[in-house]
């Protein structure tokens, strides 16, 4: 059986049976085609452990047009796609290399930037809420921090999905999995204030107020903010707030998760609130809360030791 045709079958399987997102499907197709181009083989029976070994070396030594190497995690994504493809072939009883033969490389736990509560407060207060754009930007920042939503989920929000009485709404996350997210009272307040200031009835919650309409859609879909535009406004607000970190919408998602864990939330609940498929993804935040525990230990232990030294002097 032709390898290229089998890859197309696998991509269609991911779309129809596994309900994978368009981004995931595109990435898998790109990764697998890169492997085919490297291996220069036509049949799955030609795939060997030696070819995979050389492919891993190729990925590790690969340099783009600007001389950039592939990150370790990106190399793993290539291997994950290949392993998934081999599992699919085995399910179809196609003779091929065992997926278990492909091991992922060990990677260091990635560092994530988080804001402390004082920085979050400064960031949230950065927009000028005397204007409609400022009201929108404040609502965006409040929602990102109070829900931990992904920016793609935020820009997809429609007005008719928000329940202000219950302060909740559902979002369609990665893998097209739907989950309920909850607004803080302050988040609901600023969101309602922004929507009440709108004079239109357009469907999207967050829209742009500059530029011409690109079509005559009465629901205003052409005015919906893009993830990139939200990234820019978060960056501008962070500069205005005097925060030196490179703040992105995902920084607020990280800060949301870390704040929950520091406040005593269990890891499984945080996983559900973030919409993570695997709890191992959520565990990246535990080392941040461990740092917090270290700070607490040092602060209070130092106080205790200071008291003891004072007692010794008094004696």
C-alpha atoms as a PDB file:
ATOM      1  CA  UNK A   1       0.000   0.000   0.000  1.00  0.00           C
ATOM      2  CA  UNK A   2       1.248   3.470  -0.911  1.00  0.00           C
ATOM      3  CA  UNK A   3       2.502   5.431   2.109  1.00  0.00           C
ATOM      4  CA  UNK A   4       1.266   8.803   0.851  1.00  0.00           C
ATOM      5  CA  UNK A   5      -2.257   7.463   0.370  1.00  0.00           C
ATOM      6  CA  UNK A   6      -2.195   5.912   3.835  1.00  0.00           C
ATOM      7  CA  UNK A   7      -1.224   9.259   5.321  1.00  0.00           C
ATOM      8  CA  UNK A   8      -4.221  10.870   3.633  1.00  0.00           C
ATOM      9  CA  UNK A   9      -6.416   8.092   5.058  1.00  0.00           C
ATOM     10  CA  UNK A  10      -4.968   8.776   8.512  1.00  0.00           C
ATOM     11  CA  UNK A  11      -5.565  12.531   8.247  1.00  0.00           C
ATOM     12  CA  UNK A  12      -9.196  11.860   7.275  1.00  0.00           C
ATOM     13  CA  UNK A  13      -9.457   9.463  10.228  1.00  0.00           C
ATOM     14  CA  UNK A  14      -8.228  12.216  12.571  1.00  0.00           C
ATOM     15  CA  UNK A  15     -10.813  14.595  11.156  1.00  0.00           C
ATOM     16  CA  UNK A  16     -13.830  12.290  11.162  1.00  0.00           C
ATOM     17  CA  UNK A  17     -13.250   9.677  13.871  1.00  0.00           C
ATOM     18  CA  UNK A  18     -10.995  11.529  16.307  1.00  0.00           C
ATOM     19  CA  UNK A  19     -12.575  14.966  15.845  1.00  0.00           C
ATOM     20  CA  UNK A  20      -9.189  16.696  15.876  1.00  0.00           C
ATOM     21  CA  UNK A  21      -8.965  20.451  15.337  1.00  0.00           C
ATOM     22  CA  UNK A  22      -7.986  21.888  11.957  1.00  0.00           C
ATOM     23  CA  UNK A  23      -4.685  23.102  13.430  1.00  0.00           C
ATOM     24  CA  UNK A  24      -3.802  19.625  14.695  1.00  0.00           C
ATOM     25  CA  UNK A  25      -4.709  18.030  11.381  1.00  0.00           C
ATOM     26  CA  UNK A  26      -2.594  20.521   9.443  1.00  0.00           C
ATOM     27  CA  UNK A  27       0.369  20.002  11.769  1.00  0.00           C
ATOM     28  CA  UNK A  28       0.181  16.195  11.563  1.00  0.00           C
ATOM     29  CA  UNK A  29      -0.019  16.343   7.777  1.00  0.00           C
ATOM     30  CA  UNK A  30       3.039  18.623   7.702  1.00  0.00           C
ATOM     31  CA  UNK A  31       5.035  16.414  10.122  1.00  0.00           C
ATOM     32  CA  UNK A  32       4.250  13.178   8.294  1.00  0.00           C
ATOM     33  CA  UNK A  33       5.040  14.633   4.895  1.00  0.00           C
ATOM     34  CA  UNK A  34       8.361  15.831   6.254  1.00  0.00           C
ATOM     35  CA  UNK A  35       9.091  12.253   7.300  1.00  0.00           C
ATOM     36  CA  UNK A  36       8.119  10.852   3.874  1.00  0.00           C
ATOM     37  CA  UNK A  37      10.328  13.386   2.121  1.00  0.00           C
ATOM     38  CA  UNK A  38      13.258  12.492   4.386  1.00  0.00           C
ATOM     39  CA  UNK A  39      12.828   8.696   4.313  1.00  0.00           C
ATOM     40  CA  UNK A  40      12.193   8.544   0.543  1.00  0.00           C
ATOM     41  CA  UNK A  41      10.143   5.350   0.847  1.00  0.00           C
ATOM     42  CA  UNK A  42       6.803   4.378  -0.648  1.00  0.00           C
ATOM     43  CA  UNK A  43       5.628   1.414   1.419  1.00  0.00           C
ATOM     44  CA  UNK A  44       5.085   1.071   5.196  1.00  0.00           C
ATOM     45  CA  UNK A  45       7.032  -2.190   5.078  1.00  0.00           C
ATOM     46  CA  UNK A  46      10.143  -0.183   4.183  1.00  0.00           C
ATOM     47  CA  UNK A  47      10.017   1.733   7.450  1.00  0.00           C
ATOM     48  CA  UNK A  48      12.696   0.543   9.874  1.00  0.00           C
ATOM     49  CA  UNK A  49      14.123   1.509  13.249  1.00  0.00           C
ATOM     50  CA  UNK A  50      17.275   2.663  11.481  1.00  0.00           C
ATOM     51  CA  UNK A  51      15.314   5.079   9.281  1.00  0.00           C
ATOM     52  CA  UNK A  52      13.580   6.479  12.372  1.00  0.00           C
ATOM     53  CA  UNK A  53      16.950   6.841  14.134  1.00  0.00           C
ATOM     54  CA  UNK A  54      18.359   8.817  11.207  1.00  0.00           C
ATOM     55  CA  UNK A  55      15.163  10.880  11.049  1.00  0.00           C
ATOM     56  CA  UNK A  56      15.588  11.845  14.699  1.00  0.00           C
ATOM     57  CA  UNK A  57      19.136  12.990  13.959  1.00  0.00           C
ATOM     58  CA  UNK A  58      17.818  14.948  10.986  1.00  0.00           C
ATOM     59  CA  UNK A  59      15.239  16.723  13.162  1.00  0.00           C
ATOM     60  CA  UNK A  60      17.800  17.503  15.837  1.00  0.00           C
ATOM     61  CA  UNK A  61      20.233  18.949  13.289  1.00  0.00           C
ATOM     62  CA  UNK A  62      17.601  20.691  11.151  1.00  0.00           C
ATOM     63  CA  UNK A  63      18.008  24.439  10.585  1.00  0.00           C
ATOM     64  CA  UNK A  64      15.419  26.686   9.019  1.00  0.00           C
ATOM     65  CA  UNK A  65      16.045  29.460   6.485  1.00  0.00           C
ATOM     66  CA  UNK A  66      17.082  31.799   9.302  1.00  0.00           C
ATOM     67  CA  UNK A  67      19.306  29.172  10.899  1.00  0.00           C
ATOM     68  CA  UNK A  68      16.809  28.371  13.648  1.00  0.00           C
ATOM     69  CA  UNK A  69      16.843  24.870  15.120  1.00  0.00           C
ATOM     70  CA  UNK A  70      13.703  22.908  15.948  1.00  0.00           C
ATOM     71  CA  UNK A  71      12.797  23.085  19.625  1.00  0.00           C
ATOM     72  CA  UNK A  72      12.930  19.775  21.479  1.00  0.00           C
ATOM     73  CA  UNK A  73       9.185  19.861  22.032  1.00  0.00           C
ATOM     74  CA  UNK A  74       8.621  20.441  18.288  1.00  0.00           C
ATOM     75  CA  UNK A  75      10.833  17.457  17.503  1.00  0.00           C
ATOM     76  CA  UNK A  76       8.663  15.418  19.853  1.00  0.00           C
ATOM     77  CA  UNK A  77       5.528  16.591  18.032  1.00  0.00           C
ATOM     78  CA  UNK A  78       6.991  15.119  14.824  1.00  0.00           C
ATOM     79  CA  UNK A  79       7.584  11.800  16.594  1.00  0.00           C
ATOM     80  CA  UNK A  80       4.126  11.831  18.208  1.00  0.00           C
ATOM     81  CA  UNK A  81       2.541  12.256  14.768  1.00  0.00           C
ATOM     82  CA  UNK A  82       4.616   9.386  13.376  1.00  0.00           C
ATOM     83  CA  UNK A  83       3.778   7.159  16.332  1.00  0.00           C
ATOM     84  CA  UNK A  84       0.081   7.920  15.983  1.00  0.00           C
ATOM     85  CA  UNK A  85       0.254   7.074  12.296  1.00  0.00           C
ATOM     86  CA  UNK A  86       1.894   3.716  13.030  1.00  0.00           C
ATOM     87  CA  UNK A  87      -0.769   2.888  15.617  1.00  0.00           C
ATOM     88  CA  UNK A  88      -3.413   3.661  13.004  1.00  0.00           C
ATOM     89  CA  UNK A  89      -1.720   1.341  10.488  1.00  0.00           C
ATOM     90  CA  UNK A  90      -1.547  -1.456  13.073  1.00  0.00           C
ATOM     91  CA  UNK A  91      -5.261  -1.027  13.739  1.00  0.00           C
ATOM     92  CA  UNK A  92      -5.844  -1.546  10.020  1.00  0.00           C
ATOM     93  CA  UNK A  93      -3.611  -4.663  10.079  1.00  0.00           C
ATOM     94  CA  UNK A  94      -1.057  -3.012   7.827  1.00  0.00           C
ATOM     95  CA  UNK A  95       2.385  -4.560   8.329  1.00  0.00           C
ATOM     96  CA  UNK A  96       4.685  -1.831   9.592  1.00  0.00           C
ATOM     97  CA  UNK A  97       7.139  -0.807  12.300  1.00  0.00           C
ATOM     98  CA  UNK A  98       5.722  -1.031  15.837  1.00  0.00           C
ATOM     99  CA  UNK A  99       4.769   2.347  17.307  1.00  0.00           C
ATOM    100  CA  UNK A 100       6.420   1.281  20.577  1.00  0.00           C
ATOM    101  CA  UNK A 101       9.777   1.394  18.794  1.00  0.00           C
ATOM    102  CA  UNK A 102       9.570   5.190  18.726  1.00  0.00           C
ATOM    103  CA  UNK A 103      10.574   6.828  21.991  1.00  0.00           C
ATOM    104  CA  UNK A 104      10.105  10.503  22.688  1.00  0.00           C
ATOM    105  CA  UNK A 105      13.085  12.554  23.769  1.00  0.00           C
ATOM    106  CA  UNK A 106      13.303  13.782  27.338  1.00  0.00           C
ATOM    107  CA  UNK A 107      12.791  17.525  27.549  1.00  0.00           C
ATOM    108  CA  UNK A 108      13.235  19.931  30.399  1.00  0.00           C
ATOM    109  CA  UNK A 109      10.082  21.153  32.089  1.00  0.00           C
ATOM    110  CA  UNK A 110       9.206  24.378  30.332  1.00  0.00           C
ATOM    111  CA  UNK A 111       9.307  27.611  32.240  1.00  0.00           C
ATOM    112  CA  UNK A 112       6.175  29.728  32.289  1.00  0.00           C
ATOM    113  CA  UNK A 113       5.856  33.370  33.245  1.00  0.00           C
ATOM    114  CA  UNK A 114       3.209  34.308  35.784  1.00  0.00           C
ATOM    115  CA  UNK A 115       2.173  37.611  37.291  1.00  0.00           C
ATOM    116  CA  UNK A 116       1.812  38.210  41.001  1.00  0.00           C
ATOM    117  CA  UNK A 117      -1.444  39.706  42.223  1.00  0.00           C
ATOM    118  CA  UNK A 118      -0.014  43.228  42.401  1.00  0.00           C
ATOM    119  CA  UNK A 119       1.050  43.012  38.741  1.00  0.00           C
ATOM    120  CA  UNK A 120      -2.322  41.552  37.755  1.00  0.00           C
ATOM    121  CA  UNK A 121      -4.093  44.424  39.489  1.00  0.00           C
ATOM    122  CA  UNK A 122      -1.963  47.003  37.655  1.00  0.00           C
ATOM    123  CA  UNK A 123      -2.581  45.268  34.341  1.00  0.00           C
ATOM    124  CA  UNK A 124      -6.347  45.091  34.829  1.00  0.00           C
ATOM    125  CA  UNK A 125      -6.492  48.801  35.621  1.00  0.00           C
ATOM    126  CA  UNK A 126      -4.383  49.830  32.611  1.00  0.00           C
ATOM    127  CA  UNK A 127      -7.237  50.418  30.064  1.00  0.00           C
ATOM    128  CA  UNK A 128      -8.991  53.781  29.976  1.00  0.00           C
ATOM    129  CA  UNK A 129     -12.561  52.737  30.764  1.00  0.00           C
ATOM    130  CA  UNK A 130     -13.975  56.148  29.846  1.00  0.00           C
ATOM    131  CA  UNK A 131     -13.985  54.939  26.225  1.00  0.00           C
ATOM    132  CA  UNK A 132     -15.790  51.999  24.627  1.00  0.00           C
ATOM    133  CA  UNK A 133     -12.452  50.505  23.570  1.00  0.00           C
ATOM    134  CA  UNK A 134     -11.161  50.820  27.115  1.00  0.00           C
ATOM    135  CA  UNK A 135     -14.266  49.130  28.469  1.00  0.00           C
ATOM    136  CA  UNK A 136     -13.737  46.301  25.976  1.00  0.00           C
ATOM    137  CA  UNK A 137     -10.071  45.917  26.858  1.00  0.00           C
ATOM    138  CA  UNK A 138     -10.805  45.877  30.601  1.00  0.00           C
ATOM    139  CA  UNK A 139     -13.448  43.197  30.047  1.00  0.00           C
ATOM    140  CA  UNK A 140     -10.980  41.127  27.994  1.00  0.00           C
ATOM    141  CA  UNK A 141      -8.300  41.286  30.697  1.00  0.00           C
ATOM    142  CA  UNK A 142     -10.774  40.495  33.465  1.00  0.00           C
ATOM    143  CA  UNK A 143     -12.168  37.483  31.605  1.00  0.00           C
ATOM    144  CA  UNK A 144      -8.741  36.101  30.700  1.00  0.00           C
ATOM    145  CA  UNK A 145      -7.661  36.200  34.342  1.00  0.00           C
ATOM    146  CA  UNK A 146     -10.922  35.095  35.958  1.00  0.00           C
ATOM    147  CA  UNK A 147     -11.531  32.146  33.605  1.00  0.00           C
ATOM    148  CA  UNK A 148      -8.093  31.043  32.370  1.00  0.00           C
ATOM    149  CA  UNK A 149      -9.483  30.857  28.835  1.00  0.00           C
ATOM    150  CA  UNK A 150      -7.303  30.455  25.781  1.00  0.00           C
ATOM    151  CA  UNK A 151      -7.267  33.499  23.520  1.00  0.00           C
ATOM    152  CA  UNK A 152      -8.832  31.436  20.699  1.00  0.00           C
ATOM    153  CA  UNK A 153     -11.728  30.583  23.015  1.00  0.00           C
ATOM    154  CA  UNK A 154     -12.110  34.210  24.064  1.00  0.00           C
ATOM    155  CA  UNK A 155     -12.429  35.631  20.548  1.00  0.00           C
ATOM    156  CA  UNK A 156     -14.981  32.945  19.644  1.00  0.00           C
ATOM    157  CA  UNK A 157     -17.415  34.072  22.346  1.00  0.00           C
ATOM    158  CA  UNK A 158     -20.904  35.114  21.280  1.00  0.00           C
ATOM    159  CA  UNK A 159     -23.240  37.314  23.293  1.00  0.00           C
ATOM    160  CA  UNK A 160     -26.049  34.765  23.480  1.00  0.00           C
ATOM    161  CA  UNK A 161     -23.841  32.185  25.227  1.00  0.00           C
ATOM    162  CA  UNK A 162     -23.185  34.236  28.372  1.00  0.00           C
ATOM    163  CA  UNK A 163     -25.354  33.652  31.430  1.00  0.00           C
ATOM    164  CA  UNK A 164     -24.871  36.689  33.675  1.00  0.00           C
ATOM    165  CA  UNK A 165     -27.206  35.363  36.339  1.00  0.00           C
ATOM    166  CA  UNK A 166     -25.071  32.242  36.846  1.00  0.00           C
ATOM    167  CA  UNK A 167     -21.868  33.999  35.748  1.00  0.00           C
ATOM    168  CA  UNK A 168     -20.925  31.185  33.409  1.00  0.00           C
ATOM    169  CA  UNK A 169     -20.781  30.160  29.767  1.00  0.00           C
ATOM    170  CA  UNK A 170     -19.519  27.230  27.733  1.00  0.00           C
ATOM    171  CA  UNK A 171     -16.574  27.313  25.354  1.00  0.00           C
ATOM    172  CA  UNK A 172     -15.337  24.966  22.661  1.00  0.00           C
ATOM    173  CA  UNK A 173     -11.729  24.162  23.494  1.00  0.00           C
ATOM    174  CA  UNK A 174      -8.991  22.051  21.980  1.00  0.00           C
ATOM    175  CA  UNK A 175     -10.114  18.801  20.432  1.00  0.00           C
ATOM    176  CA  UNK A 176     -13.553  20.405  20.014  1.00  0.00           C
ATOM    177  CA  UNK A 177     -14.327  19.547  23.642  1.00  0.00           C
ATOM    178  CA  UNK A 178     -16.867  21.784  25.323  1.00  0.00           C
ATOM    179  CA  UNK A 179     -16.493  22.910  28.935  1.00  0.00           C
ATOM    180  CA  UNK A 180     -18.114  25.398  31.284  1.00  0.00           C
ATOM    181  CA  UNK A 181     -16.086  28.368  32.538  1.00  0.00           C
ATOM    182  CA  UNK A 182     -16.990  30.677  35.375  1.00  0.00           C
ATOM    183  CA  UNK A 183     -16.738  34.448  35.666  1.00  0.00           C
ATOM    184  CA  UNK A 184     -15.720  36.270  38.818  1.00  0.00           C
ATOM    185  CA  UNK A 185     -18.140  38.936  40.053  1.00  0.00           C
ATOM    186  CA  UNK A 186     -15.721  41.622  38.950  1.00  0.00           C
ATOM    187  CA  UNK A 187     -15.263  39.974  35.549  1.00  0.00           C
ATOM    188  CA  UNK A 188     -19.040  39.804  35.052  1.00  0.00           C
ATOM    189  CA  UNK A 189     -19.365  43.455  36.113  1.00  0.00           C
ATOM    190  CA  UNK A 190     -16.877  44.759  33.540  1.00  0.00           C
ATOM    191  CA  UNK A 191     -18.177  42.495  30.790  1.00  0.00           C
ATOM    192  CA  UNK A 192     -21.738  43.708  31.343  1.00  0.00           C
ATOM    193  CA  UNK A 193     -20.581  47.314  31.497  1.00  0.00           C
ATOM    194  CA  UNK A 194     -18.855  46.894  28.134  1.00  0.00           C
ATOM    195  CA  UNK A 195     -21.798  45.150  26.447  1.00  0.00           C
ATOM    196  CA  UNK A 196     -24.271  47.717  27.816  1.00  0.00           C
ATOM    197  CA  UNK A 197     -22.158  50.478  26.259  1.00  0.00           C
ATOM    198  CA  UNK A 198     -22.416  48.843  22.850  1.00  0.00           C
ATOM    199  CA  UNK A 199     -25.102  50.326  20.608  1.00  0.00           C
ATOM    200  CA  UNK A 200     -25.054  47.461  18.129  1.00  0.00           C
ATOM    201  CA  UNK A 201     -26.611  43.996  18.225  1.00  0.00           C
ATOM    202  CA  UNK A 202     -23.696  42.170  16.648  1.00  0.00           C
ATOM    203  CA  UNK A 203     -23.216  38.557  17.717  1.00  0.00           C
ATOM    204  CA  UNK A 204     -19.506  38.503  18.691  1.00  0.00           C
ATOM    205  CA  UNK A 205     -18.724  39.582  22.239  1.00  0.00           C
ATOM    206  CA  UNK A 206     -15.448  41.262  21.356  1.00  0.00           C
ATOM    207  CA  UNK A 207     -15.338  43.390  18.222  1.00  0.00           C
ATOM    208  CA  UNK A 208     -13.066  46.025  16.714  1.00  0.00           C
ATOM    209  CA  UNK A 209     -14.182  49.651  16.557  1.00  0.00           C
ATOM    210  CA  UNK A 210     -11.858  50.823  13.802  1.00  0.00           C
ATOM    211  CA  UNK A 211     -11.658  50.040  10.118  1.00  0.00           C
ATOM    212  CA  UNK A 212     -14.312  49.435   7.494  1.00  0.00           C
ATOM    213  CA  UNK A 213     -16.736  46.537   7.311  1.00  0.00           C
ATOM    214  CA  UNK A 214     -15.447  43.770   5.060  1.00  0.00           C
ATOM    215  CA  UNK A 215     -18.894  42.326   4.324  1.00  0.00           C
ATOM    216  CA  UNK A 216     -22.546  43.012   4.978  1.00  0.00           C
ATOM    217  CA  UNK A 217     -23.040  40.229   7.534  1.00  0.00           C
ATOM    218  CA  UNK A 218     -25.779  41.540   9.867  1.00  0.00           C
ATOM    219  CA  UNK A 219     -24.314  39.501  12.744  1.00  0.00           C
ATOM    220  CA  UNK A 220     -21.000  41.362  12.505  1.00  0.00           C
ATOM    221  CA  UNK A 221     -18.734  38.325  12.103  1.00  0.00           C
ATOM    222  CA  UNK A 222     -16.250  40.448  10.133  1.00  0.00           C
ATOM    223  CA  UNK A 223     -15.783  42.696  13.169  1.00  0.00           C
ATOM    224  CA  UNK A 224     -14.810  39.893  15.556  1.00  0.00           C
ATOM    225  CA  UNK A 225     -11.404  40.426  17.157  1.00  0.00           C
ATOM    226  CA  UNK A 226      -8.621  38.048  16.133  1.00  0.00           C
ATOM    227  CA  UNK A 227      -6.244  36.296  18.566  1.00  0.00           C
ATOM    228  CA  UNK A 228      -3.437  38.468  17.234  1.00  0.00           C
ATOM    229  CA  UNK A 229      -5.326  41.689  17.983  1.00  0.00           C
ATOM    230  CA  UNK A 230      -5.962  40.516  21.563  1.00  0.00           C
ATOM    231  CA  UNK A 231      -2.271  39.654  21.948  1.00  0.00           C
ATOM    232  CA  UNK A 232      -1.362  43.171  20.849  1.00  0.00           C
ATOM    233  CA  UNK A 233      -3.765  44.888  23.240  1.00  0.00           C
ATOM    234  CA  UNK A 234      -2.574  42.756  26.184  1.00  0.00           C
ATOM    235  CA  UNK A 235       1.010  43.689  25.325  1.00  0.00           C
ATOM    236  CA  UNK A 236       0.159  47.401  25.154  1.00  0.00           C
ATOM    237  CA  UNK A 237      -1.680  47.282  28.474  1.00  0.00           C
ATOM    238  CA  UNK A 238       1.256  45.526  30.154  1.00  0.00           C
ATOM    239  CA  UNK A 239       3.636  48.247  28.959  1.00  0.00           C
ATOM    240  CA  UNK A 240       1.215  50.892  30.233  1.00  0.00           C
ATOM    241  CA  UNK A 241       1.113  49.059  33.567  1.00  0.00           C
ATOM    242  CA  UNK A 242       4.921  49.126  33.793  1.00  0.00           C
ATOM    243  CA  UNK A 243       5.347  45.345  33.713  1.00  0.00           C
ATOM    244  CA  UNK A 244       8.711  44.290  32.309  1.00  0.00           C
ATOM    245  CA  UNK A 245       7.654  40.733  31.460  1.00  0.00           C
ATOM    246  CA  UNK A 246       6.508  39.861  27.942  1.00  0.00           C
ATOM    247  CA  UNK A 247       2.852  39.540  28.913  1.00  0.00           C
ATOM    248  CA  UNK A 248       0.536  37.594  26.588  1.00  0.00           C
ATOM    249  CA  UNK A 249      -3.009  36.241  26.984  1.00  0.00           C
ATOM    250  CA  UNK A 250      -1.402  32.919  27.939  1.00  0.00           C
ATOM    251  CA  UNK A 251       0.465  34.650  30.765  1.00  0.00           C
ATOM    252  CA  UNK A 252      -2.911  35.423  32.320  1.00  0.00           C
ATOM    253  CA  UNK A 253      -3.950  31.793  31.825  1.00  0.00           C
ATOM    254  CA  UNK A 254      -0.777  30.695  33.649  1.00  0.00           C
ATOM    255  CA  UNK A 255      -1.422  33.255  36.390  1.00  0.00           C
ATOM    256  CA  UNK A 256      -5.008  32.025  36.784  1.00  0.00           C
ATOM    257  CA  UNK A 257      -3.889  28.411  37.216  1.00  0.00           C
ATOM    258  CA  UNK A 258      -1.074  29.253  39.612  1.00  0.00           C
ATOM    259  CA  UNK A 259      -3.325  31.472  41.721  1.00  0.00           C
ATOM    260  CA  UNK A 260      -5.840  28.622  42.073  1.00  0.00           C
ATOM    261  CA  UNK A 261      -3.183  26.138  43.179  1.00  0.00           C
ATOM    262  CA  UNK A 262      -1.612  28.569  45.649  1.00  0.00           C
ATOM    263  CA  UNK A 263      -5.072  29.206  47.085  1.00  0.00           C
ATOM    264  CA  UNK A 264      -5.545  25.481  47.702  1.00  0.00           C
ATOM    265  CA  UNK A 265      -7.348  24.172  44.615  1.00  0.00           C
ATOM    266  CA  UNK A 266      -6.593  20.547  43.736  1.00  0.00           C
ATOM    267  CA  UNK A 267      -4.781  19.708  40.511  1.00  0.00           C
ATOM    268  CA  UNK A 268      -7.693  17.768  39.012  1.00  0.00           C
ATOM    269  CA  UNK A 269     -10.070  20.719  39.377  1.00  0.00           C
ATOM    270  CA  UNK A 270      -7.558  23.076  37.786  1.00  0.00           C
ATOM    271  CA  UNK A 271      -7.190  20.589  34.921  1.00  0.00           C
ATOM    272  CA  UNK A 272     -10.949  20.718  34.325  1.00  0.00           C
ATOM    273  CA  UNK A 273     -11.090  24.506  34.517  1.00  0.00           C
ATOM    274  CA  UNK A 274      -8.257  24.877  32.013  1.00  0.00           C
ATOM    275  CA  UNK A 275      -9.635  22.232  29.662  1.00  0.00           C
ATOM    276  CA  UNK A 276      -6.463  20.141  29.667  1.00  0.00           C
ATOM    277  CA  UNK A 277      -6.863  16.657  28.223  1.00  0.00           C
ATOM    278  CA  UNK A 278      -4.061  15.204  30.369  1.00  0.00           C
ATOM    279  CA  UNK A 279      -3.245  16.128  33.942  1.00  0.00           C
ATOM    280  CA  UNK A 280       0.462  16.009  33.080  1.00  0.00           C
ATOM    281  CA  UNK A 281      -0.079  19.252  31.157  1.00  0.00           C
ATOM    282  CA  UNK A 282      -1.489  20.872  34.288  1.00  0.00           C
ATOM    283  CA  UNK A 283       1.452  19.685  36.362  1.00  0.00           C
ATOM    284  CA  UNK A 284       3.729  22.316  34.827  1.00  0.00           C
ATOM    285  CA  UNK A 285       2.253  24.709  37.380  1.00  0.00           C
ATOM    286  CA  UNK A 286       3.209  22.670  40.422  1.00  0.00           C
ATOM    287  CA  UNK A 287       6.852  23.779  40.336  1.00  0.00           C
ATOM    288  CA  UNK A 288       5.633  27.377  40.429  1.00  0.00           C
ATOM    289  CA  UNK A 289       3.565  26.743  43.542  1.00  0.00           C
ATOM    290  CA  UNK A 290       6.569  24.952  45.046  1.00  0.00           C
ATOM    291  CA  UNK A 291       8.482  28.210  44.617  1.00  0.00           C
ATOM    292  CA  UNK A 292       5.690  29.934  46.501  1.00  0.00           C
ATOM    293  CA  UNK A 293       5.995  27.406  49.326  1.00  0.00           C
ATOM    294  CA  UNK A 294       9.726  28.040  49.447  1.00  0.00           C
ATOM    295  CA  UNK A 295       9.095  31.781  49.797  1.00  0.00           C
ATOM    296  CA  UNK A 296       6.560  31.130  52.565  1.00  0.00           C
ATOM    297  CA  UNK A 297       8.990  28.803  54.342  1.00  0.00           C
ATOM    298  CA  UNK A 298      11.869  31.247  54.137  1.00  0.00           C
ATOM    299  CA  UNK A 299       9.758  34.196  55.254  1.00  0.00           C
ATOM    300  CA  UNK A 300       8.135  32.533  58.248  1.00  0.00           C
ATOM    301  CA  UNK A 301      11.135  30.406  59.193  1.00  0.00           C
ATOM    302  CA  UNK A 302      13.263  33.557  59.168  1.00  0.00           C
ATOM    303  CA  UNK A 303      10.747  35.245  61.464  1.00  0.00           C
ATOM    304  CA  UNK A 304      10.874  32.303  63.830  1.00  0.00           C
ATOM    305  CA  UNK A 305      14.680  32.256  63.846  1.00  0.00           C
ATOM    306  CA  UNK A 306      14.706  36.002  64.426  1.00  0.00           C
ATOM    307  CA  UNK A 307      12.477  35.539  67.456  1.00  0.00           C
ATOM    308  CA  UNK A 308      14.759  32.866  68.859  1.00  0.00           C
ATOM    309  CA  UNK A 309      17.817  35.056  68.434  1.00  0.00           C
ATOM    310  CA  UNK A 310      16.009  37.877  70.172  1.00  0.00           C
ATOM    311  CA  UNK A 311      15.167  35.544  73.070  1.00  0.00           C
ATOM    312  CA  UNK A 312      18.818  34.474  73.325  1.00  0.00           C
ATOM    313  CA  UNK A 313      19.930  38.124  73.520  1.00  0.00           C
ATOM    314  CA  UNK A 314      17.347  38.851  76.212  1.00  0.00           C
ATOM    315  CA  UNK A 315      18.601  35.882  78.229  1.00  0.00           C
END
